[in-house]
Structures are given as C-alpha cells and as structure tokens.
Amino acid sequence: MNNFKEEVIKANNDQFVVDWISREEEQKQYEEVMHEKWLNQGLSEGIEQNKIENAKKMLELNMDLETISKVTNLAKEQIESLRN
C-alpha cells in the first residue's frame, strides 16, 4: 500500500501528469458546455417550431393576427407569412 501511495505522490508532482490531467479536465468541461449548448439550442428550436404549428392551427380557425401574436409571441409579419 505504501508503494501505491508513493507512486500517487510522484504522479501528483510530475508536471507532465498534472498537465495531462488538466487537459483532460478542460476537454471534459468543454464537452459538457457544448452538450448543454446543443441541448438548449434544440430545445429553443423545438419551442419555436411549436409556436409556428400553433399559429398555423389558429389561422385555420380564422383567428385574428393580434390574438395569434399575443398567444404565440410571434410577430404579425411572421404569422402572415404562414398563410401561404
């Protein structure tokens, strides 16, 4: 057990090992940030698509642009473009 402890202490003092672990940690943090960013982007796109689908349904029900805009938070111009 002492031999293992000595090896760990040597590794902790070895600049190459410290740098390697630091790079590994940085890569892990980068991947976590990118995953979260990707997840948030997908979620935002899904929410936006849902708003558009709801606006299309409201247009089919002949609801007025003002109401649709208030409910979906889409611009009237964007809703108008969905009529086509």
Protein backbone atom coordinates (compact mmCIF):
# COMPACT_ATOMS: atom_id res chain seq x y z
CA MET A 1 0.00 0.00 0.00
CA ASN A 2 2.85 2.40 0.75
CA ASN A 3 4.29 1.76 -2.70
CA PHE A 4 0.99 2.79 -4.31
CA LYS A 5 0.82 5.91 -2.15
CA GLU A 6 4.37 6.84 -3.15
CA GLU A 7 3.50 6.39 -6.84
CA VAL A 8 0.45 8.64 -6.47
CA ILE A 9 2.54 11.30 -4.74
CA LYS A 10 5.14 11.09 -7.53
CA ALA A 11 2.43 11.37 -10.16
CA ASN A 12 0.92 14.40 -8.41
CA ASN A 13 4.31 16.09 -8.50
CA ASP A 14 5.05 15.16 -12.12
CA GLN A 15 4.32 18.24 -14.29
CA PHE A 16 3.58 16.06 -17.34
CA VAL A 17 0.89 14.16 -15.40
CA VAL A 18 -0.54 17.37 -13.95
CA ASP A 19 -0.71 18.96 -17.43
CA TRP A 20 -2.28 15.83 -18.91
CA ILE A 21 -4.95 15.72 -16.19
CA SER A 22 -5.59 19.45 -16.67
CA ARG A 23 -6.09 18.96 -20.41
CA GLU A 24 -8.41 16.02 -19.73
CA GLU A 25 -10.45 18.14 -17.34
CA GLU A 26 -10.58 21.06 -19.78
CA GLN A 27 -11.77 18.71 -22.54
CA LYS A 28 -14.43 17.25 -20.27
CA GLN A 29 -15.66 20.73 -19.28
CA TYR A 30 -15.69 21.80 -22.94
CA GLU A 31 -17.73 18.75 -23.92
CA GLU A 32 -20.20 19.40 -21.10
CA VAL A 33 -20.62 23.03 -22.14
CA MET A 34 -21.08 22.08 -25.80
CA HIS A 35 -23.59 19.37 -24.89
CA GLU A 36 -25.60 21.83 -22.82
CA LYS A 37 -25.43 24.42 -25.61
CA TRP A 38 -26.57 21.82 -28.15
CA LEU A 39 -29.39 20.72 -25.84
CA ASN A 40 -30.54 24.30 -25.25
CA GLN A 41 -30.42 25.08 -28.96
CA GLY A 42 -32.53 22.02 -29.74
CA LEU A 43 -34.99 22.94 -27.03
CA SER A 44 -35.27 26.51 -28.33
CA GLU A 45 -35.80 25.29 -31.89
CA GLY A 46 -38.48 22.89 -30.70
CA ILE A 47 -40.29 25.64 -28.81
CA GLU A 48 -40.15 27.92 -31.86
CA GLN A 49 -41.48 25.13 -34.11
CA ASN A 50 -44.31 24.52 -31.65
CA LYS A 51 -45.26 28.22 -31.76
CA ILE A 52 -45.36 28.08 -35.54
CA GLU A 53 -47.52 24.95 -35.58
CA ASN A 54 -49.92 26.53 -33.09
CA ALA A 55 -50.10 29.71 -35.17
CA LYS A 56 -50.94 27.65 -38.28
CA LYS A 57 -53.77 25.92 -36.41
CA MET A 58 -55.08 29.27 -35.19
CA LEU A 59 -55.00 30.62 -38.74
CA GLU A 60 -57.03 27.59 -39.86
CA LEU A 61 -59.57 28.58 -37.20
CA ASN A 62 -59.66 32.10 -38.72
CA MET A 63 -58.38 33.74 -35.54
CA ASP A 64 -57.16 37.31 -35.94
CA LEU A 65 -53.45 38.12 -36.18
CA GLU A 66 -53.42 40.17 -32.98
CA THR A 67 -54.70 37.27 -30.89
CA ILE A 68 -52.38 34.76 -32.54
CA SER A 69 -49.44 37.07 -31.95
CA LYS A 70 -50.32 37.51 -28.28
CA VAL A 71 -50.74 33.78 -27.70
CA THR A 72 -47.66 32.60 -29.60
CA ASN A 73 -45.37 35.62 -29.14
CA LEU A 74 -44.67 35.54 -32.88
CA ALA A 75 -44.51 38.74 -34.90
CA LYS A 76 -47.57 39.51 -37.02
CA GLU A 77 -45.39 39.52 -40.13
CA GLN A 78 -44.15 36.02 -39.34
CA ILE A 79 -47.71 34.82 -38.82
CA GLU A 80 -48.79 36.42 -42.10
CA SER A 81 -46.05 34.50 -43.90
CA LEU A 82 -47.55 31.24 -42.60
CA ARG A 83 -50.76 31.78 -44.55
CA ASN A 84 -49.10 30.61 -47.76
